[in-house]
C-alpha atoms as a PDB file:
ATOM      1  CA  UNK A   1     217.797  95.678 169.301  1.00  0.00           C
ATOM      2  CA  UNK A   2     216.086  96.195 172.483  1.00  0.00           C
ATOM      3  CA  UNK A   3     213.683  93.715 173.992  1.00  0.00           C
ATOM      4  CA  UNK A   4     210.695  95.949 173.420  1.00  0.00           C
ATOM      5  CA  UNK A   5     211.513  96.268 169.768  1.00  0.00           C
ATOM      6  CA  UNK A   6     211.982  92.545 169.543  1.00  0.00           C
ATOM      7  CA  UNK A   7     208.662  92.056 171.288  1.00  0.00           C
ATOM      8  CA  UNK A   8     207.020  94.551 168.986  1.00  0.00           C
ATOM      9  CA  UNK A   9     208.655  92.886 166.012  1.00  0.00           C
ATOM     10  CA  UNK A  10     207.504  89.470 167.206  1.00  0.00           C
ATOM     11  CA  UNK A  11     204.013  90.821 167.728  1.00  0.00           C
ATOM     12  CA  UNK A  12     204.036  92.475 164.318  1.00  0.00           C
ATOM     13  CA  UNK A  13     205.387  89.303 162.785  1.00  0.00           C
ATOM     14  CA  UNK A  14     202.767  87.290 164.649  1.00  0.00           C
ATOM     15  CA  UNK A  15     200.103  89.756 163.501  1.00  0.00           C
ATOM     16  CA  UNK A  16     201.435  89.594 159.970  1.00  0.00           C
ATOM     17  CA  UNK A  17     201.514  85.810 160.210  1.00  0.00           C
ATOM     18  CA  UNK A  18     197.908  85.883 161.458  1.00  0.00           C
ATOM     19  CA  UNK A  19     196.989  88.227 158.623  1.00  0.00           C
ATOM     20  CA  UNK A  20     198.817  85.990 156.145  1.00  0.00           C
ATOM     21  CA  UNK A  21     197.031  83.025 157.635  1.00  0.00           C
ATOM     22  CA  UNK A  22     193.728  84.867 157.292  1.00  0.00           C
ATOM     23  CA  UNK A  23     194.581  85.889 153.719  1.00  0.00           C
ATOM     24  CA  UNK A  24     195.587  82.299 152.965  1.00  0.00           C
ATOM     25  CA  UNK A  25     192.255  81.173 154.507  1.00  0.00           C
ATOM     26  CA  UNK A  26     190.403  83.699 152.317  1.00  0.00           C
ATOM     27  CA  UNK A  27     192.387  82.500 149.273  1.00  0.00           C
ATOM     28  CA  UNK A  28     191.601  78.890 150.165  1.00  0.00           C
ATOM     29  CA  UNK A  29     187.939  79.827 150.615  1.00  0.00           C
ATOM     30  CA  UNK A  30     188.034  81.707 147.311  1.00  0.00           C
ATOM     31  CA  UNK A  31     189.656  78.703 145.638  1.00  0.00           C
ATOM     32  CA  UNK A  32     186.987  76.465 147.155  1.00  0.00           C
ATOM     33  CA  UNK A  33     184.355  78.931 145.924  1.00  0.00           C
ATOM     34  CA  UNK A  34     185.934  78.968 142.479  1.00  0.00           C
ATOM     35  CA  UNK A  35     186.042  75.187 142.569  1.00  0.00           C
ATOM     36  CA  UNK A  36     182.404  75.156 143.704  1.00  0.00           C
ATOM     37  CA  UNK A  37     181.564  77.652 140.945  1.00  0.00           C
ATOM     38  CA  UNK A  38     183.369  75.476 138.402  1.00  0.00           C
ATOM     39  CA  UNK A  39     181.481  72.455 139.680  1.00  0.00           C
ATOM     40  CA  UNK A  40     178.272  74.478 139.569  1.00  0.00           C
ATOM     41  CA  UNK A  41     179.129  75.581 136.033  1.00  0.00           C
ATOM     42  CA  UNK A  42     179.833  71.955 135.114  1.00  0.00           C
ATOM     43  CA  UNK A  43     176.543  70.876 136.692  1.00  0.00           C
ATOM     44  CA  UNK A  44     174.719  73.705 134.915  1.00  0.00           C
ATOM     45  CA  UNK A  45     176.313  72.674 131.630  1.00  0.00           C
ATOM     46  CA  UNK A  46     175.322  69.041 132.237  1.00  0.00           C
ATOM     47  CA  UNK A  47     171.791  70.146 133.125  1.00  0.00           C
ATOM     48  CA  UNK A  48     171.595  72.211 129.937  1.00  0.00           C
ATOM     49  CA  UNK A  49     172.702  69.209 127.887  1.00  0.00           C
ATOM     50  CA  UNK A  50     170.083  67.075 129.624  1.00  0.00           C
ATOM     51  CA  UNK A  51     167.401  69.682 128.907  1.00  0.00           C
ATOM     52  CA  UNK A  52     168.387  69.674 125.230  1.00  0.00           C
ATOM     53  CA  UNK A  53     168.292  65.873 125.165  1.00  0.00           C
ATOM     54  CA  UNK A  54     164.890  65.847 126.884  1.00  0.00           C
ATOM     55  CA  UNK A  55     163.529  68.416 124.411  1.00  0.00           C
ATOM     56  CA  UNK A  56     164.783  66.279 121.540  1.00  0.00           C
ATOM     57  CA  UNK A  57     163.145  63.179 123.008  1.00  0.00           C
ATOM     58  CA  UNK A  58     159.937  65.120 123.688  1.00  0.00           C
ATOM     59  CA  UNK A  59     159.873  66.288 120.064  1.00  0.00           C
ATOM     60  CA  UNK A  60     160.375  62.694 118.883  1.00  0.00           C
ATOM     61  CA  UNK A  61     157.569  61.511 121.164  1.00  0.00           C
ATOM     62  CA  UNK A  62     155.266  64.280 119.937  1.00  0.00           C
ATOM     63  CA  UNK A  63     156.034  63.259 116.363  1.00  0.00           C
ATOM     64  CA  UNK A  64     155.252  59.626 117.169  1.00  0.00           C
ATOM     65  CA  UNK A  65     152.065  60.626 118.999  1.00  0.00           C
ATOM     66  CA  UNK A  66     150.924  62.640 115.966  1.00  0.00           C
ATOM     67  CA  UNK A  67     151.662  59.691 113.686  1.00  0.00           C
ATOM     68  CA  UNK A  68     149.714  57.373 116.001  1.00  0.00           C
ATOM     69  CA  UNK A  69     146.783  59.794 116.081  1.00  0.00           C
ATOM     70  CA  UNK A  70     146.720  59.896 112.288  1.00  0.00           C
ATOM     71  CA  UNK A  71     146.939  56.123 112.112  1.00  0.00           C
ATOM     72  CA  UNK A  72     144.154  55.825 114.695  1.00  0.00           C
ATOM     73  CA  UNK A  73     141.943  58.216 112.708  1.00  0.00           C
ATOM     74  CA  UNK A  74     142.564  56.119 109.590  1.00  0.00           C
ATOM     75  CA  UNK A  75     141.692  52.939 111.461  1.00  0.00           C
ATOM     76  CA  UNK A  76     138.494  54.541 112.759  1.00  0.00           C
ATOM     77  CA  UNK A  77     137.513  55.505 109.196  1.00  0.00           C
ATOM     78  CA  UNK A  78     138.318  52.017 107.958  1.00  0.00           C
ATOM     79  CA  UNK A  79     136.326  50.514 110.832  1.00  0.00           C
ATOM     80  CA  UNK A  80     133.312  52.697 110.019  1.00  0.00           C
ATOM     81  CA  UNK A  81     133.558  51.762 106.322  1.00  0.00           C
ATOM     82  CA  UNK A  82     133.785  48.066 107.165  1.00  0.00           C
ATOM     83  CA  UNK A  83     130.823  48.321 109.522  1.00  0.00           C
ATOM     84  CA  UNK A  84     128.862  50.069 106.784  1.00  0.00           C
ATOM     85  CA  UNK A  85     129.873  47.319 104.326  1.00  0.00           C
ATOM     86  CA  UNK A  86     128.679  44.696 106.814  1.00  0.00           C
ATOM     87  CA  UNK A  87     125.397  46.546 107.347  1.00  0.00           C
ATOM     88  CA  UNK A  88     124.845  46.805 103.569  1.00  0.00           C
ATOM     89  CA  UNK A  89     125.698  43.129 103.075  1.00  0.00           C
ATOM     90  CA  UNK A  90     123.315  42.124 105.871  1.00  0.00           C
ATOM     91  CA  UNK A  91     120.570  44.258 104.325  1.00  0.00           C
ATOM     92  CA  UNK A  92     121.331  42.745 100.891  1.00  0.00           C
ATOM     93  CA  UNK A  93     121.208  39.222 102.327  1.00  0.00           C
ATOM     94  CA  UNK A  94     117.944  39.976 104.130  1.00  0.00           C
ATOM     95  CA  UNK A  95     116.462  41.390 100.924  1.00  0.00           C
ATOM     96  CA  UNK A  96     117.685  38.455  98.804  1.00  0.00           C
ATOM     97  CA  UNK A  97     116.098  35.996 101.240  1.00  0.00           C
ATOM     98  CA  UNK A  98     112.701  37.391 100.196  1.00  0.00           C
ATOM     99  CA  UNK A  99     113.214  35.841  96.741  1.00  0.00           C
ATOM    100  CA  UNK A 100     113.636  32.298  95.487  1.00  0.00           C
ATOM    101  CA  UNK A 101     114.675  30.642  92.255  1.00  0.00           C
ATOM    102  CA  UNK A 102     112.132  28.535  90.492  1.00  0.00           C
ATOM    103  CA  UNK A 103     112.251  26.443  87.366  1.00  0.00           C
ATOM    104  CA  UNK A 104     109.499  27.701  85.082  1.00  0.00           C
ATOM    105  CA  UNK A 105     109.383  25.884  81.782  1.00  0.00           C
ATOM    106  CA  UNK A 106     112.841  25.943  80.305  1.00  0.00           C
ATOM    107  CA  UNK A 107     114.118  28.832  82.431  1.00  0.00           C
ATOM    108  CA  UNK A 108     115.121  29.421  86.016  1.00  0.00           C
ATOM    109  CA  UNK A 109     113.471  32.641  87.119  1.00  0.00           C
ATOM    110  CA  UNK A 110     113.273  34.649  90.334  1.00  0.00           C
ATOM    111  CA  UNK A 111     110.027  34.969  92.316  1.00  0.00           C
ATOM    112  CA  UNK A 112     109.176  36.978  95.413  1.00  0.00           C
ATOM    113  CA  UNK A 113     108.160  34.702  98.298  1.00  0.00           C
ATOM    114  CA  UNK A 114     105.029  36.798  98.984  1.00  0.00           C
ATOM    115  CA  UNK A 115     103.997  37.231  95.302  1.00  0.00           C
ATOM    116  CA  UNK A 116     104.907  34.213  93.167  1.00  0.00           C
ATOM    117  CA  UNK A 117     102.900  35.576  90.237  1.00  0.00           C
ATOM    118  CA  UNK A 118     105.516  38.217  89.430  1.00  0.00           C
ATOM    119  CA  UNK A 119     108.653  36.927  87.763  1.00  0.00           C
ATOM    120  CA  UNK A 120     111.970  38.773  87.975  1.00  0.00           C
ATOM    121  CA  UNK A 121     115.039  38.751  85.743  1.00  0.00           C
ATOM    122  CA  UNK A 122     117.616  36.319  87.179  1.00  0.00           C
ATOM    123  CA  UNK A 123     120.491  38.003  85.300  1.00  0.00           C
ATOM    124  CA  UNK A 124     119.797  41.425  86.848  1.00  0.00           C
ATOM    125  CA  UNK A 125     119.150  39.834  90.245  1.00  0.00           C
ATOM    126  CA  UNK A 126     122.490  38.019  90.250  1.00  0.00           C
ATOM    127  CA  UNK A 127     124.762  40.581  88.612  1.00  0.00           C
ATOM    128  CA  UNK A 128     123.251  43.917  89.663  1.00  0.00           C
ATOM    129  CA  UNK A 129     121.238  43.030  92.777  1.00  0.00           C
ATOM    130  CA  UNK A 130     118.201  44.507  91.049  1.00  0.00           C
ATOM    131  CA  UNK A 131     114.716  43.062  90.935  1.00  0.00           C
ATOM    132  CA  UNK A 132     113.433  43.872  87.474  1.00  0.00           C
ATOM    133  CA  UNK A 133     109.978  42.429  86.708  1.00  0.00           C
ATOM    134  CA  UNK A 134     109.915  40.477  83.458  1.00  0.00           C
ATOM    135  CA  UNK A 135     107.555  41.667  80.752  1.00  0.00           C
ATOM    136  CA  UNK A 136     105.270  39.217  78.959  1.00  0.00           C
ATOM    137  CA  UNK A 137     106.349  39.104  75.346  1.00  0.00           C
ATOM    138  CA  UNK A 138     104.240  36.140  74.214  1.00  0.00           C
ATOM    139  CA  UNK A 139     102.577  36.177  70.862  1.00  0.00           C
ATOM    140  CA  UNK A 140      98.962  35.245  70.741  1.00  0.00           C
ATOM    141  CA  UNK A 141      98.475  31.651  69.889  1.00  0.00           C
ATOM    142  CA  UNK A 142     101.961  30.697  71.032  1.00  0.00           C
ATOM    143  CA  UNK A 143     102.191  27.515  73.063  1.00  0.00           C
ATOM    144  CA  UNK A 144     105.100  28.673  75.220  1.00  0.00           C
ATOM    145  CA  UNK A 145     105.272  32.103  76.802  1.00  0.00           C
ATOM    146  CA  UNK A 146     108.127  34.444  76.244  1.00  0.00           C
ATOM    147  CA  UNK A 147     109.322  37.028  78.759  1.00  0.00           C
ATOM    148  CA  UNK A 148     112.012  39.689  78.499  1.00  0.00           C
ATOM    149  CA  UNK A 149     113.800  42.033  80.856  1.00  0.00           C
ATOM    150  CA  UNK A 150     113.410  45.726  79.994  1.00  0.00           C
ATOM    151  CA  UNK A 151     116.728  46.511  81.741  1.00  0.00           C
ATOM    152  CA  UNK A 152     119.124  43.994  80.198  1.00  0.00           C
ATOM    153  CA  UNK A 153     116.968  42.848  77.236  1.00  0.00           C
ATOM    154  CA  UNK A 154     117.489  39.188  78.171  1.00  0.00           C
ATOM    155  CA  UNK A 155     114.726  36.860  76.906  1.00  0.00           C
ATOM    156  CA  UNK A 156     113.292  33.827  78.722  1.00  0.00           C
ATOM    157  CA  UNK A 157     111.106  31.056  77.283  1.00  0.00           C
ATOM    158  CA  UNK A 158     108.574  29.545  79.574  1.00  0.00           C
END
């Protein structure tokens, strides 16, 4: 072989070696890209799993929030009912304070503080929170008076 051919062969071999080196660089870059893509795929898969987990947790939290809202609404209703009970009891107590018990003859009767001449049935007052005026049921000529309640038919001797 002549020196020019050897030179040309060396140059071709060097060029081929450069091309091989370039191809190997491209392959290495492609491998790195594939590796990066695999890592990206892995990261994307991990992110998808995290999104699913977060959605599940969000659903659980929404369920708990709904339960708490329902419980809160129930507590508000109960609070309003209790406040109404307290208001009624205060009104009842205020109303009952307008009356007093008084021994009249052989009976304990109820009288209004402002009008002691009207007698009320103690049974209805105590059991039904009602002020029922007693009716005079005395017979003429009787020494002791007799009163009765038109609501419960209870009789009282005075």
